[in-house]
């Protein structure tokens, strides 16, 4: 299976973010640090707290769900998909269980 990344852009601020789809290898290897590097402070705090309380076992859950949580937060902040690495937005939407809003040229 191909590795999928979606490039998001906020039409109001022109800020661009890249979000991987599916399993998070970076969370598996580095815990809550990917959320810190993405400036996703809410989930960085939640993950850090959960990892400390569970002695690291929460990472077994977050490695499967974090990328979807990150994409959901981006969409909630007004980001829209500008492009996708493998050109299959329908497959990515189905994989994460969300309708991904697309950036229109007029936005």
Protein backbone atom coordinates (compact mmCIF):
# COMPACT_ATOMS: atom_id res chain seq x y z
CA UNK A 1 0.00 0.00 0.00
CA UNK A 2 1.20 3.48 -0.83
CA UNK A 3 1.94 6.00 1.86
CA UNK A 4 -0.62 8.79 1.71
CA UNK A 5 -0.12 12.42 2.70
CA UNK A 6 -2.66 15.20 2.29
CA UNK A 7 -1.57 18.81 1.89
CA UNK A 8 -4.02 21.14 3.60
CA UNK A 9 -4.32 24.90 3.20
CA UNK A 10 -6.32 27.34 5.28
CA UNK A 11 -8.00 29.65 2.73
CA UNK A 12 -8.21 32.51 5.26
CA UNK A 13 -4.59 32.46 6.45
CA UNK A 14 -2.88 30.65 3.53
CA UNK A 15 -1.14 28.44 6.11
CA UNK A 16 -0.15 25.03 4.73
CA UNK A 17 0.03 21.80 6.72
CA UNK A 18 0.86 18.27 5.57
CA UNK A 19 -0.95 15.40 7.27
CA UNK A 20 -0.23 11.70 6.82
CA UNK A 21 -3.13 9.26 6.64
CA UNK A 22 -3.31 6.00 8.56
CA UNK A 23 -0.91 4.46 11.06
CA UNK A 24 1.49 6.91 12.72
CA UNK A 25 5.00 5.53 12.70
CA UNK A 26 6.27 8.73 14.28
CA UNK A 27 3.95 8.37 17.29
CA UNK A 28 5.05 4.75 17.62
CA UNK A 29 8.71 5.80 17.70
CA UNK A 30 8.56 9.18 19.45
CA UNK A 31 5.36 9.29 21.52
CA UNK A 32 3.82 12.75 21.79
CA UNK A 33 6.70 14.57 20.04
CA UNK A 34 5.08 14.53 16.56
CA UNK A 35 2.14 16.49 17.99
CA UNK A 36 4.60 19.00 19.50
CA UNK A 37 6.45 19.43 16.19
CA UNK A 38 3.12 19.93 14.37
CA UNK A 39 2.13 22.58 16.97
CA UNK A 40 -0.88 20.44 17.83
CA UNK A 41 -0.75 21.47 21.50
CA UNK A 42 -4.11 20.02 22.55
CA UNK A 43 -3.22 16.48 21.49
CA UNK A 44 0.40 16.84 22.62
CA UNK A 45 -0.86 17.55 26.14
CA UNK A 46 -3.47 14.81 26.08
CA UNK A 47 -1.00 12.27 24.72
CA UNK A 48 1.70 13.25 27.22
CA UNK A 49 -0.71 12.93 30.13
CA UNK A 50 -2.10 9.60 28.86
CA UNK A 51 1.40 8.20 28.25
CA UNK A 52 2.55 9.16 31.76
CA UNK A 53 -0.56 7.81 33.49
CA UNK A 54 -0.55 4.55 31.50
CA UNK A 55 3.24 4.08 31.74
CA UNK A 56 3.46 4.35 27.95
CA UNK A 57 0.73 1.90 27.02
CA UNK A 58 -1.53 4.67 25.65
CA UNK A 59 0.95 4.90 22.79
CA UNK A 60 -0.42 1.58 21.52
CA UNK A 61 -3.73 3.34 20.92
CA UNK A 62 -2.46 6.71 19.74
CA UNK A 63 -0.24 5.24 17.02
CA UNK A 64 -3.40 4.00 15.30
CA UNK A 65 -5.60 7.09 15.80
CA UNK A 66 -3.38 10.18 16.02
CA UNK A 67 -3.22 11.03 12.31
CA UNK A 68 -7.03 10.96 12.09
CA UNK A 69 -7.25 13.19 15.17
CA UNK A 70 -4.79 15.63 13.59
CA UNK A 71 -6.73 15.76 10.30
CA UNK A 72 -10.00 16.26 12.20
CA UNK A 73 -8.48 19.21 14.08
CA UNK A 74 -7.17 20.74 10.84
CA UNK A 75 -10.61 20.50 9.22
CA UNK A 76 -12.16 22.01 12.36
CA UNK A 77 -9.78 24.98 12.05
CA UNK A 78 -10.93 25.64 8.49
CA UNK A 79 -8.20 23.84 6.54
CA UNK A 80 -9.14 22.29 3.20
CA UNK A 81 -7.31 19.66 1.17
CA UNK A 82 -5.16 21.21 -1.53
CA UNK A 83 -3.57 18.00 -2.86
CA UNK A 84 -2.92 14.39 -1.98
CA UNK A 85 0.23 12.39 -2.59
CA UNK A 86 -1.40 9.40 -4.32
CA UNK A 87 -4.26 11.35 -6.03
CA UNK A 88 -6.99 9.26 -4.38
CA UNK A 89 -8.96 11.54 -2.04
CA UNK A 90 -11.96 9.18 -1.93
CA UNK A 91 -9.78 6.34 -0.63
CA UNK A 92 -8.19 8.62 1.99
CA UNK A 93 -11.63 9.87 3.09
CA UNK A 94 -12.87 6.30 3.44
CA UNK A 95 -9.76 5.25 5.36
CA UNK A 96 -10.19 7.92 8.02
CA UNK A 97 -13.99 7.91 7.96
CA UNK A 98 -14.32 11.64 7.25
CA UNK A 99 -15.38 13.73 4.30
CA UNK A 100 -12.36 15.85 3.53
CA UNK A 101 -13.28 19.32 2.28
CA UNK A 102 -11.44 20.28 -0.90
CA UNK A 103 -9.85 23.64 -1.54
CA UNK A 104 -11.53 25.30 -4.50
CA UNK A 105 -9.55 27.56 -6.80
CA UNK A 106 -11.84 30.47 -5.89
CA UNK A 107 -11.24 30.08 -2.09
